């Protein structure tokens, strides 16, 4: 798993429930455009749709990558 650098001064970095749009679940980090943050675990699970490649997950972020993109790190699939 990629190393996540945590900035203790940042309030935007936190674990969040989300739906991730991805055709495969082998990746460990996702660009912000593929992540839809949800208010609860229930909302993330209810929004899952395999036919649209939407998978519920717990993510950490957003963080700025070395390529200056905002990304979320996968904590675990729900």
Protein backbone atom coordinates (compact mmCIF):
# COMPACT_ATOMS: atom_id res chain seq x y z
CA UNK A 1 0.00 0.00 0.00
CA UNK A 2 1.31 3.50 -0.81
CA UNK A 3 2.67 5.51 2.08
CA UNK A 4 0.29 8.26 3.20
CA UNK A 5 1.90 11.38 4.60
CA UNK A 6 -0.35 12.90 7.23
CA UNK A 7 -0.27 16.62 7.90
CA UNK A 8 -1.43 17.09 11.52
CA UNK A 9 -2.43 20.68 10.73
CA UNK A 10 -4.82 19.63 7.96
CA UNK A 11 -8.50 19.29 8.79
CA UNK A 12 -9.50 18.01 5.34
CA UNK A 13 -7.69 14.67 5.68
CA UNK A 14 -9.97 12.15 7.31
CA UNK A 15 -11.61 8.77 6.87
CA UNK A 16 -14.86 8.98 4.92
CA UNK A 17 -17.43 6.58 3.52
CA UNK A 18 -17.59 6.79 -0.24
CA UNK A 19 -18.57 5.27 -3.54
CA UNK A 20 -15.63 4.64 -5.84
CA UNK A 21 -16.14 4.40 -9.60
CA UNK A 22 -13.62 1.83 -10.83
CA UNK A 23 -13.80 -1.24 -13.08
CA UNK A 24 -11.37 -3.17 -10.86
CA UNK A 25 -10.83 -3.23 -7.12
CA UNK A 26 -7.09 -3.88 -7.14
CA UNK A 27 -6.00 -0.24 -6.87
CA UNK A 28 -5.17 1.38 -3.53
CA UNK A 29 -5.58 5.05 -4.43
CA UNK A 30 -8.10 6.92 -6.54
CA UNK A 31 -8.29 10.41 -8.07
CA UNK A 32 -10.88 12.73 -6.57
CA UNK A 33 -13.00 12.52 -9.74
CA UNK A 34 -13.63 8.80 -9.12
CA UNK A 35 -14.73 9.23 -5.49
CA UNK A 36 -18.19 10.28 -4.33
CA UNK A 37 -18.11 11.01 -0.59
CA UNK A 38 -21.18 9.75 1.32
CA UNK A 39 -22.66 10.86 4.65
CA UNK A 40 -22.79 7.35 6.12
CA UNK A 41 -21.81 3.74 5.62
CA UNK A 42 -25.45 2.94 4.86
CA UNK A 43 -25.58 5.56 2.11
CA UNK A 44 -22.38 4.18 0.56
CA UNK A 45 -23.65 0.59 0.66
CA UNK A 46 -27.06 1.59 -0.74
CA UNK A 47 -25.44 3.48 -3.63
CA UNK A 48 -23.36 0.52 -4.78
CA UNK A 49 -24.05 -0.56 -8.35
CA UNK A 50 -21.86 -3.20 -10.01
CA UNK A 51 -23.33 -2.45 -13.43
CA UNK A 52 -22.02 1.13 -13.12
CA UNK A 53 -18.75 0.10 -11.40
CA UNK A 54 -19.71 1.93 -8.17
CA UNK A 55 -18.24 0.21 -5.11
CA UNK A 56 -18.70 1.21 -1.44
CA UNK A 57 -15.53 1.84 0.53
CA UNK A 58 -13.90 3.59 3.46
CA UNK A 59 -11.30 6.04 2.15
CA UNK A 60 -8.77 8.49 3.58
CA UNK A 61 -8.20 11.90 2.08
CA UNK A 62 -8.17 13.91 0.01
CA UNK A 63 -4.42 14.26 -0.16
CA UNK A 64 -2.31 15.99 -2.78
CA UNK A 65 -0.14 13.54 -4.73
CA UNK A 66 3.34 14.20 -6.04
CA UNK A 67 1.65 14.93 -9.40
CA UNK A 68 -0.44 17.69 -7.70
CA UNK A 69 -3.66 15.70 -8.02
CA UNK A 70 -6.10 15.30 -5.13
CA UNK A 71 -6.41 11.60 -4.32
CA UNK A 72 -8.11 9.31 -1.83
CA UNK A 73 -6.46 6.23 -0.34
CA UNK A 74 -8.46 3.05 0.10
CA UNK A 75 -8.76 1.99 3.76
CA UNK A 76 -11.06 -0.96 3.01
CA UNK A 77 -13.89 -2.06 0.74
CA UNK A 78 -17.28 -2.34 2.43
